[in-house]
PDB file of N, CA and C in Angstrom:
ATOM      1  N   UNK A   1       0.824  -1.192   0.000  1.00  0.00           N
ATOM      2  CA  UNK A   1       0.000   0.000   0.000  1.00  0.00           C
ATOM      3  C   UNK A   1       0.872   1.262   0.000  1.00  0.00           C
ATOM      4  N   UNK A   2       2.135   1.117   0.441  1.00  0.00           N
ATOM      5  CA  UNK A   2       3.026   2.278   0.496  1.00  0.00           C
ATOM      6  C   UNK A   2       3.269   2.863  -0.892  1.00  0.00           C
ATOM      7  N   UNK A   3       3.457   2.006  -1.890  1.00  0.00           N
ATOM      8  CA  UNK A   3       3.673   2.480  -3.255  1.00  0.00           C
ATOM      9  C   UNK A   3       2.446   3.211  -3.767  1.00  0.00           C
ATOM     10  N   UNK A   4       1.247   2.672  -3.487  1.00  0.00           N
ATOM     11  CA  UNK A   4       0.018   3.332  -3.913  1.00  0.00           C
ATOM     12  C   UNK A   4      -0.088   4.720  -3.290  1.00  0.00           C
ATOM     13  N   UNK A   5       0.218   4.799  -2.000  1.00  0.00           N
ATOM     14  CA  UNK A   5       0.145   6.092  -1.322  1.00  0.00           C
ATOM     15  C   UNK A   5       1.179   7.055  -1.885  1.00  0.00           C
ATOM     16  N   UNK A   6       2.381   6.562  -2.185  1.00  0.00           N
ATOM     17  CA  UNK A   6       3.430   7.470  -2.657  1.00  0.00           C
ATOM     18  C   UNK A   6       3.126   7.995  -4.060  1.00  0.00           C
ATOM     19  N   UNK A   7       2.607   7.145  -4.961  1.00  0.00           N
ATOM     20  CA  UNK A   7       2.273   7.639  -6.302  1.00  0.00           C
ATOM     21  C   UNK A   7       1.095   8.599  -6.203  1.00  0.00           C
ATOM     22  N   UNK A   8       0.142   8.277  -5.358  1.00  0.00           N
ATOM     23  CA  UNK A   8      -1.007   9.162  -5.175  1.00  0.00           C
ATOM     24  C   UNK A   8      -0.598  10.513  -4.617  1.00  0.00           C
ATOM     25  N   UNK A   9       0.266  10.492  -3.621  1.00  0.00           N
ATOM     26  CA  UNK A   9       0.746  11.742  -3.019  1.00  0.00           C
ATOM     27  C   UNK A   9       1.550  12.553  -4.033  1.00  0.00           C
ATOM     28  N   UNK A  10       2.387  11.869  -4.815  1.00  0.00           N
ATOM     29  CA  UNK A  10       3.191  12.550  -5.823  1.00  0.00           C
ATOM     30  C   UNK A  10       2.297  13.233  -6.854  1.00  0.00           C
ATOM     31  N   UNK A  11       1.281  12.522  -7.326  1.00  0.00           N
ATOM     32  CA  UNK A  11       0.358  13.093  -8.308  1.00  0.00           C
ATOM     33  C   UNK A  11      -0.389  14.280  -7.708  1.00  0.00           C
ATOM     34  N   UNK A  12      -0.833  14.141  -6.479  1.00  0.00           N
ATOM     35  CA  UNK A  12      -1.549  15.235  -5.815  1.00  0.00           C
ATOM     36  C   UNK A  12      -0.649  16.461  -5.676  1.00  0.00           C
ATOM     37  N   UNK A  13       0.592  16.253  -5.266  1.00  0.00           N
ATOM     38  CA  UNK A  13       1.531  17.371  -5.116  1.00  0.00           C
ATOM     39  C   UNK A  13       1.775  18.064  -6.455  1.00  0.00           C
ATOM     40  N   UNK A  14       1.957  17.282  -7.509  1.00  0.00           N
ATOM     41  CA  UNK A  14       2.167  17.870  -8.842  1.00  0.00           C
ATOM     42  C   UNK A  14       0.927  18.642  -9.306  1.00  0.00           C
ATOM     43  N   UNK A  15      -0.240  18.064  -9.043  1.00  0.00           N
ATOM     44  CA  UNK A  15      -1.503  18.709  -9.435  1.00  0.00           C
ATOM     45  C   UNK A  15      -1.671  20.030  -8.701  1.00  0.00           C
ATOM     46  N   UNK A  16      -1.405  20.015  -7.401  1.00  0.00           N
ATOM     47  CA  UNK A  16      -1.568  21.241  -6.601  1.00  0.00           C
ATOM     48  C   UNK A  16      -0.529  22.288  -6.989  1.00  0.00           C
ATOM     49  N   UNK A  17       0.691  21.856  -7.280  1.00  0.00           N
ATOM     50  CA  UNK A  17       1.740  22.798  -7.700  1.00  0.00           C
ATOM     51  C   UNK A  17       1.360  23.467  -9.016  1.00  0.00           C
ATOM     52  N   UNK A  18       0.660  22.722  -9.862  1.00  0.00           N
ATOM     53  CA  UNK A  18       0.220  23.269 -11.152  1.00  0.00           C
ATOM     54  C   UNK A  18      -1.084  24.051 -11.018  1.00  0.00           C
ATOM     55  N   UNK A  19      -1.625  24.072  -9.790  1.00  0.00           N
ATOM     56  CA  UNK A  19      -2.884  24.766  -9.505  1.00  0.00           C
ATOM     57  C   UNK A  19      -4.003  24.271 -10.412  1.00  0.00           C
ATOM     58  N   UNK A  20      -4.140  22.942 -10.445  1.00  0.00           N
ATOM     59  CA  UNK A  20      -5.141  22.278 -11.270  1.00  0.00           C
ATOM     60  C   UNK A  20      -6.065  21.492 -10.345  1.00  0.00           C
ATOM     61  N   UNK A  21      -7.360  21.593 -10.581  1.00  0.00           N
ATOM     62  CA  UNK A  21      -8.313  20.829  -9.782  1.00  0.00           C
ATOM     63  C   UNK A  21      -8.325  19.372 -10.245  1.00  0.00           C
ATOM     64  N   UNK A  22      -8.895  18.510  -9.414  1.00  0.00           N
ATOM     65  CA  UNK A  22      -9.038  17.107  -9.795  1.00  0.00           C
ATOM     66  C   UNK A  22      -9.853  17.011 -11.081  1.00  0.00           C
ATOM     67  N   UNK A  23     -10.899  17.794 -11.158  1.00  0.00           N
ATOM     68  CA  UNK A  23     -11.757  17.777 -12.346  1.00  0.00           C
ATOM     69  C   UNK A  23     -10.969  18.164 -13.602  1.00  0.00           C
ATOM     70  N   UNK A  24     -10.142  19.206 -13.507  1.00  0.00           N
ATOM     71  CA  UNK A  24      -9.347  19.641 -14.657  1.00  0.00           C
ATOM     72  C   UNK A  24      -8.325  18.579 -15.060  1.00  0.00           C
ATOM     73  N   UNK A  25      -7.681  17.959 -14.053  1.00  0.00           N
ATOM     74  CA  UNK A  25      -6.708  16.914 -14.344  1.00  0.00           C
ATOM     75  C   UNK A  25      -7.394  15.706 -14.987  1.00  0.00           C
ATOM     76  N   UNK A  26      -8.543  15.339 -14.453  1.00  0.00           N
ATOM     77  CA  UNK A  26      -9.291  14.207 -15.002  1.00  0.00           C
ATOM     78  C   UNK A  26      -9.658  14.460 -16.460  1.00  0.00           C
ATOM     79  N   UNK A  27     -10.117  15.652 -16.745  1.00  0.00           N
ATOM     80  CA  UNK A  27     -10.488  16.000 -18.118  1.00  0.00           C
ATOM     81  C   UNK A  27      -9.263  15.947 -19.028  1.00  0.00           C
ATOM     82  N   UNK A  28      -8.154  16.528 -18.580  1.00  0.00           N
ATOM     83  CA  UNK A  28      -6.935  16.567 -19.401  1.00  0.00           C
ATOM     84  C   UNK A  28      -6.353  15.168 -19.629  1.00  0.00           C
ATOM     85  N   UNK A  29      -6.507  14.291 -18.630  1.00  0.00           N
ATOM     86  CA  UNK A  29      -5.953  12.942 -18.739  1.00  0.00           C
ATOM     87  C   UNK A  29      -6.933  11.946 -19.353  1.00  0.00           C
ATOM     88  N   UNK A  30      -8.195  12.339 -19.468  1.00  0.00           N
ATOM     89  CA  UNK A  30      -9.187  11.443 -20.056  1.00  0.00           C
ATOM     90  C   UNK A  30      -9.652  10.339 -19.131  1.00  0.00           C
ATOM     91  N   UNK A  31      -9.653  10.616 -17.821  1.00  0.00           N
ATOM     92  CA  UNK A  31     -10.153   9.652 -16.835  1.00  0.00           C
ATOM     93  C   UNK A  31     -11.181  10.346 -15.945  1.00  0.00           C
ATOM     94  N   UNK A  32     -11.865   9.588 -15.117  1.00  0.00           N
ATOM     95  CA  UNK A  32     -12.920  10.171 -14.285  1.00  0.00           C
ATOM     96  C   UNK A  32     -12.359  10.860 -13.035  1.00  0.00           C
ATOM     97  N   UNK A  33     -13.135  11.818 -12.517  1.00  0.00           N
ATOM     98  CA  UNK A  33     -12.752  12.514 -11.281  1.00  0.00           C
ATOM     99  C   UNK A  33     -12.573  11.532 -10.116  1.00  0.00           C
ATOM    100  N   UNK A  34     -13.550  10.612  -9.901  1.00  0.00           N
ATOM    101  CA  UNK A  34     -13.398   9.678  -8.777  1.00  0.00           C
ATOM    102  C   UNK A  34     -12.141   8.814  -8.897  1.00  0.00           C
ATOM    103  N   UNK A  35     -11.786   8.464 -10.127  1.00  0.00           N
ATOM    104  CA  UNK A  35     -10.587   7.638 -10.323  1.00  0.00           C
ATOM    105  C   UNK A  35      -9.339   8.402  -9.875  1.00  0.00           C
ATOM    106  N   UNK A  36      -9.238   9.668 -10.251  1.00  0.00           N
ATOM    107  CA  UNK A  36      -8.094  10.501  -9.820  1.00  0.00           C
ATOM    108  C   UNK A  36      -8.082  10.591  -8.300  1.00  0.00           C
ATOM    109  N   UNK A  37      -9.243  10.825  -7.723  1.00  0.00           N
ATOM    110  CA  UNK A  37      -9.341  10.932  -6.267  1.00  0.00           C
ATOM    111  C   UNK A  37      -8.880   9.647  -5.587  1.00  0.00           C
ATOM    112  N   UNK A  38      -9.284   8.502  -6.116  1.00  0.00           N
ATOM    113  CA  UNK A  38      -8.884   7.218  -5.538  1.00  0.00           C
ATOM    114  C   UNK A  38      -7.382   6.993  -5.673  1.00  0.00           C
ATOM    115  N   UNK A  39      -6.810   7.408  -6.787  1.00  0.00           N
ATOM    116  CA  UNK A  39      -5.356   7.294  -6.964  1.00  0.00           C
ATOM    117  C   UNK A  39      -4.649   8.164  -5.933  1.00  0.00           C
ATOM    118  N   UNK A  40      -5.097   9.411  -5.800  1.00  0.00           N
ATOM    119  CA  UNK A  40      -4.442  10.336  -4.870  1.00  0.00           C
ATOM    120  C   UNK A  40      -4.543   9.861  -3.421  1.00  0.00           C
ATOM    121  N   UNK A  41      -5.618   9.174  -3.084  1.00  0.00           N
ATOM    122  CA  UNK A  41      -5.798   8.671  -1.714  1.00  0.00           C
ATOM    123  C   UNK A  41      -5.155   7.302  -1.503  1.00  0.00           C
ATOM    124  N   UNK A  42      -4.520   6.756  -2.548  1.00  0.00           N
ATOM    125  CA  UNK A  42      -3.835   5.475  -2.416  1.00  0.00           C
ATOM    126  C   UNK A  42      -4.760   4.278  -2.443  1.00  0.00           C
ATOM    127  N   UNK A  43      -5.965   4.444  -2.997  1.00  0.00           N
ATOM    128  CA  UNK A  43      -6.931   3.352  -3.031  1.00  0.00           C
ATOM    129  C   UNK A  43      -6.879   2.553  -4.329  1.00  0.00           C
ATOM    130  N   UNK A  44      -6.337   3.136  -5.389  1.00  0.00           N
ATOM    131  CA  UNK A  44      -6.260   2.474  -6.694  1.00  0.00           C
ATOM    132  C   UNK A  44      -4.854   2.599  -7.239  1.00  0.00           C
ATOM    133  N   UNK A  45      -4.412   1.563  -7.920  1.00  0.00           N
ATOM    134  CA  UNK A  45      -3.112   1.591  -8.591  1.00  0.00           C
ATOM    135  C   UNK A  45      -3.359   1.855 -10.064  1.00  0.00           C
ATOM    136  N   UNK A  46      -2.900   2.982 -10.569  1.00  0.00           N
ATOM    137  CA  UNK A  46      -3.134   3.292 -11.985  1.00  0.00           C
ATOM    138  C   UNK A  46      -2.318   2.390 -12.894  1.00  0.00           C
ATOM    139  N   UNK A  47      -2.895   2.074 -14.036  1.00  0.00           N
ATOM    140  CA  UNK A  47      -2.181   1.277 -15.036  1.00  0.00           C
ATOM    141  C   UNK A  47      -1.093   2.134 -15.680  1.00  0.00           C
ATOM    142  N   UNK A  48      -0.227   1.480 -16.434  1.00  0.00           N
ATOM    143  CA  UNK A  48       0.825   2.204 -17.158  1.00  0.00           C
ATOM    144  C   UNK A  48       0.215   3.206 -18.125  1.00  0.00           C
ATOM    145  N   UNK A  49      -0.882   2.823 -18.764  1.00  0.00           N
ATOM    146  CA  UNK A  49      -1.540   3.716 -19.716  1.00  0.00           C
ATOM    147  C   UNK A  49      -2.088   4.961 -19.021  1.00  0.00           C
ATOM    148  N   UNK A  50      -2.724   4.778 -17.882  1.00  0.00           N
ATOM    149  CA  UNK A  50      -3.263   5.925 -17.135  1.00  0.00           C
ATOM    150  C   UNK A  50      -2.123   6.806 -16.637  1.00  0.00           C
ATOM    151  N   UNK A  51      -1.044   6.188 -16.172  1.00  0.00           N
ATOM    152  CA  UNK A  51       0.107   6.988 -15.731  1.00  0.00           C
ATOM    153  C   UNK A  51       0.662   7.819 -16.880  1.00  0.00           C
ATOM    154  N   UNK A  52       0.697   7.244 -18.057  1.00  0.00           N
ATOM    155  CA  UNK A  52       1.176   7.980 -19.228  1.00  0.00           C
ATOM    156  C   UNK A  52       0.261   9.175 -19.518  1.00  0.00           C
ATOM    157  N   UNK A  53      -1.052   8.961 -19.431  1.00  0.00           N
ATOM    158  CA  UNK A  53      -2.010  10.044 -19.649  1.00  0.00           C
ATOM    159  C   UNK A  53      -1.866  11.129 -18.572  1.00  0.00           C
ATOM    160  N   UNK A  54      -1.682  10.712 -17.330  1.00  0.00           N
ATOM    161  CA  UNK A  54      -1.499  11.675 -16.242  1.00  0.00           C
ATOM    162  C   UNK A  54      -0.195  12.449 -16.413  1.00  0.00           C
ATOM    163  N   UNK A  55       0.845  11.759 -16.866  1.00  0.00           N
ATOM    164  CA  UNK A  55       2.139  12.417 -17.078  1.00  0.00           C
ATOM    165  C   UNK A  55       2.003  13.542 -18.096  1.00  0.00           C
ATOM    166  N   UNK A  56       1.306  13.255 -19.195  1.00  0.00           N
ATOM    167  CA  UNK A  56       1.100  14.294 -20.211  1.00  0.00           C
ATOM    168  C   UNK A  56       0.308  15.460 -19.622  1.00  0.00           C
ATOM    169  N   UNK A  57      -0.736  15.153 -18.877  1.00  0.00           N
ATOM    170  CA  UNK A  57      -1.585  16.205 -18.315  1.00  0.00           C
ATOM    171  C   UNK A  57      -0.837  17.043 -17.275  1.00  0.00           C
ATOM    172  N   UNK A  58       0.057  16.397 -16.530  1.00  0.00           N
ATOM    173  CA  UNK A  58       0.822  17.103 -15.493  1.00  0.00           C
ATOM    174  C   UNK A  58       2.142  17.668 -16.015  1.00  0.00           C
ATOM    175  N   UNK A  59       2.452  17.364 -17.278  1.00  0.00           N
ATOM    176  CA  UNK A  59       3.693  17.819 -17.908  1.00  0.00           C
ATOM    177  C   UNK A  59       4.934  17.324 -17.173  1.00  0.00           C
ATOM    178  N   UNK A  60       4.906  16.028 -16.849  1.00  0.00           N
ATOM    179  CA  UNK A  60       6.080  15.345 -16.296  1.00  0.00           C
ATOM    180  C   UNK A  60       6.334  14.128 -17.178  1.00  0.00           C
ATOM    181  N   UNK A  61       7.508  13.553 -17.090  1.00  0.00           N
ATOM    182  CA  UNK A  61       7.782  12.368 -17.907  1.00  0.00           C
ATOM    183  C   UNK A  61       7.029  11.174 -17.337  1.00  0.00           C
ATOM    184  N   UNK A  62       6.577  10.331 -18.223  1.00  0.00           N
ATOM    185  CA  UNK A  62       5.895   9.106 -17.794  1.00  0.00           C
ATOM    186  C   UNK A  62       6.856   8.247 -16.986  1.00  0.00           C
ATOM    187  N   UNK A  63       8.114   8.264 -17.353  1.00  0.00           N
ATOM    188  CA  UNK A  63       9.120   7.482 -16.631  1.00  0.00           C
ATOM    189  C   UNK A  63       9.158   7.888 -15.159  1.00  0.00           C
ATOM    190  N   UNK A  64       9.035   9.182 -14.884  1.00  0.00           N
ATOM    191  CA  UNK A  64       9.010   9.664 -13.501  1.00  0.00           C
ATOM    192  C   UNK A  64       7.852   9.041 -12.738  1.00  0.00           C
ATOM    193  N   UNK A  65       6.684   9.019 -13.355  1.00  0.00           N
ATOM    194  CA  UNK A  65       5.520   8.427 -12.690  1.00  0.00           C
ATOM    195  C   UNK A  65       5.671   6.914 -12.560  1.00  0.00           C
ATOM    196  N   UNK A  66       6.265   6.254 -13.556  1.00  0.00           N
ATOM    197  CA  UNK A  66       6.472   4.809 -13.475  1.00  0.00           C
ATOM    198  C   UNK A  66       7.388   4.467 -12.305  1.00  0.00           C
ATOM    199  N   UNK A  67       8.423   5.262 -12.099  1.00  0.00           N
ATOM    200  CA  UNK A  67       9.332   5.042 -10.967  1.00  0.00           C
ATOM    201  C   UNK A  67       8.583   5.264  -9.657  1.00  0.00           C
ATOM    202  N   UNK A  68       7.828   6.354  -9.571  1.00  0.00           N
ATOM    203  CA  UNK A  68       7.064   6.654  -8.363  1.00  0.00           C
ATOM    204  C   UNK A  68       6.060   5.546  -8.038  1.00  0.00           C
ATOM    205  N   UNK A  69       5.477   4.938  -9.082  1.00  0.00           N
ATOM    206  CA  UNK A  69       4.471   3.885  -8.884  1.00  0.00           C
ATOM    207  C   UNK A  69       5.114   2.530  -8.606  1.00  0.00           C
ATOM    208  N   UNK A  70       6.436   2.454  -8.740  1.00  0.00           N
ATOM    209  CA  UNK A  70       7.118   1.199  -8.483  1.00  0.00           C
ATOM    210  C   UNK A  70       7.170   0.266  -9.678  1.00  0.00           C
ATOM    211  N   UNK A  71       6.770   0.757 -10.857  1.00  0.00           N
ATOM    212  CA  UNK A  71       6.830  -0.066 -12.065  1.00  0.00           C
ATOM    213  C   UNK A  71       8.259  -0.184 -12.587  1.00  0.00           C
ATOM    214  N   UNK A  72       9.023   0.882 -12.439  1.00  0.00           N
ATOM    215  CA  UNK A  72      10.412   0.897 -12.901  1.00  0.00           C
ATOM    216  C   UNK A  72      11.328   1.152 -11.727  1.00  0.00           C
ATOM    217  N   UNK A  73      12.523   0.608 -11.815  1.00  0.00           N
ATOM    218  CA  UNK A  73      13.525   0.803 -10.780  1.00  0.00           C
ATOM    219  C   UNK A  73      14.185   2.165 -10.956  1.00  0.00           C
ATOM    220  N   UNK A  74      14.490   2.780  -9.847  1.00  0.00           N
ATOM    221  CA  UNK A  74      15.219   4.048  -9.872  1.00  0.00           C
ATOM    222  C   UNK A  74      16.667   3.784  -9.458  1.00  0.00           C
ATOM    223  N   UNK A  75      17.193   2.661  -9.917  1.00  0.00           N
ATOM    224  CA  UNK A  75      18.532   2.237  -9.535  1.00  0.00           C
ATOM    225  C   UNK A  75      19.580   3.250  -9.998  1.00  0.00           C
ATOM    226  N   UNK A  76      20.647   3.334  -9.252  1.00  0.00           N
ATOM    227  CA  UNK A  76      21.738   4.244  -9.588  1.00  0.00           C
ATOM    228  C   UNK A  76      22.475   3.779 -10.850  1.00  0.00           C
ATOM    229  N   UNK A  77      22.501   2.480 -11.087  1.00  0.00           N
ATOM    230  CA  UNK A  77      23.180   1.967 -12.275  1.00  0.00           C
ATOM    231  C   UNK A  77      22.449   2.453 -13.517  1.00  0.00           C
ATOM    232  N   UNK A  78      23.178   2.939 -14.499  1.00  0.00           N
ATOM    233  CA  UNK A  78      22.517   3.472 -15.688  1.00  0.00           C
ATOM    234  C   UNK A  78      21.845   2.367 -16.490  1.00  0.00           C
ATOM    235  N   UNK A  79      20.711   2.692 -17.046  1.00  0.00           N
ATOM    236  CA  UNK A  79      20.035   1.796 -17.968  1.00  0.00           C
ATOM    237  C   UNK A  79      20.541   2.190 -19.344  1.00  0.00           C
ATOM    238  N   UNK A  80      21.251   1.296 -19.980  1.00  0.00           N
ATOM    239  CA  UNK A  80      21.907   1.636 -21.247  1.00  0.00           C
ATOM    240  C   UNK A  80      20.907   1.997 -22.346  1.00  0.00           C
ATOM    241  N   UNK A  81      19.734   1.400 -22.312  1.00  0.00           N
ATOM    242  CA  UNK A  81      18.735   1.712 -23.332  1.00  0.00           C
ATOM    243  C   UNK A  81      18.236   3.141 -23.165  1.00  0.00           C
ATOM    244  N   UNK A  82      17.819   3.503 -21.952  1.00  0.00           N
ATOM    245  CA  UNK A  82      17.310   4.860 -21.736  1.00  0.00           C
ATOM    246  C   UNK A  82      18.417   5.891 -21.910  1.00  0.00           C
ATOM    247  N   UNK A  83      19.619   5.530 -21.519  1.00  0.00           N
ATOM    248  CA  UNK A  83      20.760   6.428 -21.695  1.00  0.00           C
ATOM    249  C   UNK A  83      21.028   6.681 -23.177  1.00  0.00           C
ATOM    250  N   UNK A  84      20.969   5.631 -23.974  1.00  0.00           N
ATOM    251  CA  UNK A  84      21.210   5.765 -25.417  1.00  0.00           C
ATOM    252  C   UNK A  84      20.131   6.625 -26.078  1.00  0.00           C
ATOM    253  N   UNK A  85      18.885   6.416 -25.676  1.00  0.00           N
ATOM    254  CA  UNK A  85      17.795   7.223 -26.231  1.00  0.00           C
ATOM    255  C   UNK A  85      18.007   8.694 -25.884  1.00  0.00           C
ATOM    256  N   UNK A  86      18.337   8.949 -24.626  1.00  0.00           N
ATOM    257  CA  UNK A  86      18.519  10.333 -24.173  1.00  0.00           C
ATOM    258  C   UNK A  86      19.661  11.042 -24.900  1.00  0.00           C
ATOM    259  N   UNK A  87      20.681  10.299 -25.289  1.00  0.00           N
ATOM    260  CA  UNK A  87      21.850  10.900 -25.944  1.00  0.00           C
ATOM    261  C   UNK A  87      21.751  10.936 -27.467  1.00  0.00           C
ATOM    262  N   UNK A  88      20.742  10.310 -28.041  1.00  0.00           N
ATOM    263  CA  UNK A  88      20.641  10.202 -29.500  1.00  0.00           C
ATOM    264  C   UNK A  88      20.390  11.568 -30.135  1.00  0.00           C
ATOM    265  N   UNK A  89      21.334  12.036 -30.905  1.00  0.00           N
ATOM    266  CA  UNK A  89      21.226  13.364 -31.526  1.00  0.00           C
ATOM    267  C   UNK A  89      20.307  13.368 -32.747  1.00  0.00           C
ATOM    268  N   UNK A  90      19.907  12.195 -33.223  1.00  0.00           N
ATOM    269  CA  UNK A  90      19.012  12.105 -34.380  1.00  0.00           C
ATOM    270  C   UNK A  90      17.544  12.310 -33.997  1.00  0.00           C
ATOM    271  N   UNK A  91      17.248  12.301 -32.692  1.00  0.00           N
ATOM    272  CA  UNK A  91      15.876  12.441 -32.212  1.00  0.00           C
ATOM    273  C   UNK A  91      15.672  13.792 -31.550  1.00  0.00           C
ATOM    274  N   UNK A  92      14.487  14.381 -31.724  1.00  0.00           N
ATOM    275  CA  UNK A  92      14.183  15.601 -30.986  1.00  0.00           C
ATOM    276  C   UNK A  92      13.652  15.215 -29.606  1.00  0.00           C
ATOM    277  N   UNK A  93      13.453  16.189 -28.740  1.00  0.00           N
ATOM    278  CA  UNK A  93      13.054  15.906 -27.357  1.00  0.00           C
ATOM    279  C   UNK A  93      11.696  15.216 -27.274  1.00  0.00           C
ATOM    280  N   UNK A  94      10.776  15.613 -28.115  1.00  0.00           N
ATOM    281  CA  UNK A  94       9.455  14.972 -28.113  1.00  0.00           C
ATOM    282  C   UNK A  94       9.580  13.495 -28.508  1.00  0.00           C
ATOM    283  N   UNK A  95      10.377  13.208 -29.520  1.00  0.00           N
ATOM    284  CA  UNK A  95      10.570  11.831 -29.961  1.00  0.00           C
ATOM    285  C   UNK A  95      11.245  11.000 -28.875  1.00  0.00           C
ATOM    286  N   UNK A  96      12.233  11.583 -28.207  1.00  0.00           N
ATOM    287  CA  UNK A  96      12.904  10.877 -27.115  1.00  0.00           C
ATOM    288  C   UNK A  96      11.912  10.541 -26.011  1.00  0.00           C
ATOM    289  N   UNK A  97      11.073  11.506 -25.654  1.00  0.00           N
ATOM    290  CA  UNK A  97      10.081  11.297 -24.605  1.00  0.00           C
ATOM    291  C   UNK A  97       9.104  10.186 -24.986  1.00  0.00           C
ATOM    292  N   UNK A  98       8.639  10.212 -26.237  1.00  0.00           N
ATOM    293  CA  UNK A  98       7.710   9.187 -26.708  1.00  0.00           C
ATOM    294  C   UNK A  98       8.365   7.804 -26.691  1.00  0.00           C
ATOM    295  N   UNK A  99       9.603   7.728 -27.129  1.00  0.00           N
ATOM    296  CA  UNK A  99      10.314   6.455 -27.167  1.00  0.00           C
ATOM    297  C   UNK A  99      10.574   5.924 -25.753  1.00  0.00           C
ATOM    298  N   UNK A 100      10.955   6.810 -24.848  1.00  0.00           N
ATOM    299  CA  UNK A 100      11.168   6.400 -23.459  1.00  0.00           C
ATOM    300  C   UNK A 100       9.865   5.907 -22.829  1.00  0.00           C
ATOM    301  N   UNK A 101       8.761   6.579 -23.132  1.00  0.00           N
ATOM    302  CA  UNK A 101       7.460   6.148 -22.615  1.00  0.00           C
ATOM    303  C   UNK A 101       7.107   4.757 -23.128  1.00  0.00           C
ATOM    304  N   UNK A 102       7.316   4.537 -24.414  1.00  0.00           N
ATOM    305  CA  UNK A 102       7.014   3.240 -25.008  1.00  0.00           C
ATOM    306  C   UNK A 102       7.895   2.149 -24.396  1.00  0.00           C
ATOM    307  N   UNK A 103       9.170   2.431 -24.261  1.00  0.00           N
ATOM    308  CA  UNK A 103      10.098   1.475 -23.647  1.00  0.00           C
ATOM    309  C   UNK A 103       9.645   1.132 -22.228  1.00  0.00           C
ATOM    310  N   UNK A 104       9.292   2.148 -21.457  1.00  0.00           N
ATOM    311  CA  UNK A 104       8.844   1.917 -20.078  1.00  0.00           C
ATOM    312  C   UNK A 104       7.575   1.077 -20.053  1.00  0.00           C
ATOM    313  N   UNK A 105       6.668   1.309 -20.981  1.00  0.00           N
ATOM    314  CA  UNK A 105       5.438   0.513 -21.034  1.00  0.00           C
ATOM    315  C   UNK A 105       5.746  -0.951 -21.342  1.00  0.00           C
ATOM    316  N   UNK A 106       6.709  -1.210 -22.210  1.00  0.00           N
ATOM    317  CA  UNK A 106       7.106  -2.590 -22.489  1.00  0.00           C
ATOM    318  C   UNK A 106       7.692  -3.245 -21.236  1.00  0.00           C
ATOM    319  N   UNK A 107       8.552  -2.529 -20.526  1.00  0.00           N
ATOM    320  CA  UNK A 107       9.162  -3.058 -19.305  1.00  0.00           C
ATOM    321  C   UNK A 107       8.082  -3.376 -18.275  1.00  0.00           C
ATOM    322  N   UNK A 108       7.137  -2.461 -18.101  1.00  0.00           N
ATOM    323  CA  UNK A 108       6.050  -2.662 -17.145  1.00  0.00           C
ATOM    324  C   UNK A 108       5.193  -3.862 -17.544  1.00  0.00           C
ATOM    325  N   UNK A 109       4.877  -3.957 -18.816  1.00  0.00           N
ATOM    326  CA  UNK A 109       4.071  -5.075 -19.313  1.00  0.00           C
ATOM    327  C   UNK A 109       4.763  -6.401 -19.021  1.00  0.00           C
ATOM    328  N   UNK A 110       6.062  -6.465 -19.253  1.00  0.00           N
ATOM    329  CA  UNK A 110       6.821  -7.684 -18.975  1.00  0.00           C
ATOM    330  C   UNK A 110       6.818  -8.008 -17.488  1.00  0.00           C
ATOM    331  N   UNK A 111       6.952  -6.990 -16.636  1.00  0.00           N
ATOM    332  CA  UNK A 111       6.929  -7.210 -15.189  1.00  0.00           C
ATOM    333  C   UNK A 111       5.561  -7.720 -14.740  1.00  0.00           C
ATOM    334  N   UNK A 112       4.495  -7.152 -15.302  1.00  0.00           N
ATOM    335  CA  UNK A 112       3.151  -7.582 -14.938  1.00  0.00           C
ATOM    336  C   UNK A 112       2.918  -9.028 -15.353  1.00  0.00           C
ATOM    337  N   UNK A 113       3.423  -9.420 -16.527  1.00  0.00           N
ATOM    338  CA  UNK A 113       3.283 -10.811 -16.990  1.00  0.00           C
ATOM    339  C   UNK A 113       4.037 -11.758 -16.071  1.00  0.00           C
ATOM    340  N   UNK A 114       5.249 -11.363 -15.631  1.00  0.00           N
ATOM    341  CA  UNK A 114       6.029 -12.195 -14.718  1.00  0.00           C
ATOM    342  C   UNK A 114       5.314 -12.358 -13.384  1.00  0.00           C
ATOM    343  N   UNK A 115       4.668 -11.301 -12.906  1.00  0.00           N
ATOM    344  CA  UNK A 115       3.965 -11.361 -11.632  1.00  0.00           C
ATOM    345  C   UNK A 115       2.770 -12.307 -11.696  1.00  0.00           C
ATOM    346  N   UNK A 116       2.174 -12.442 -12.877  1.00  0.00           N
ATOM    347  CA  UNK A 116       1.022 -13.305 -13.043  1.00  0.00           C
ATOM    348  C   UNK A 116       1.401 -14.783 -13.086  1.00  0.00           C
ATOM    349  N   UNK A 117       2.664 -15.073 -13.382  1.00  0.00           N
ATOM    350  CA  UNK A 117       3.111 -16.475 -13.482  1.00  0.00           C
ATOM    351  C   UNK A 117       3.301 -17.106 -12.136  1.00  0.00           C
TER     352      UNK A 117
END
């Protein structure tokens, strides 16, 4: 439950810092007001897709929310894939962000499949 509370608290803090109501965030992210409220109170664990939508609405990287939710490790050791994407001069910042989000979703999907086994 600690991870649920921490992602919920993080989202609430970001929302309040942006001076956005739950209703406004829900509309921007394409989810319901009660769902946002339940996430913020630590009652629901958002999926990777919802975290990605919330990240866009809050203007933070999806990877940041994935780490906060416990989907991705925030290990000190560099992840060579994310490092390579970040350093790629052939991609613009939007493309890098999209690619990192997609990569994180694949990692999360694989972790969820392993947990089900």
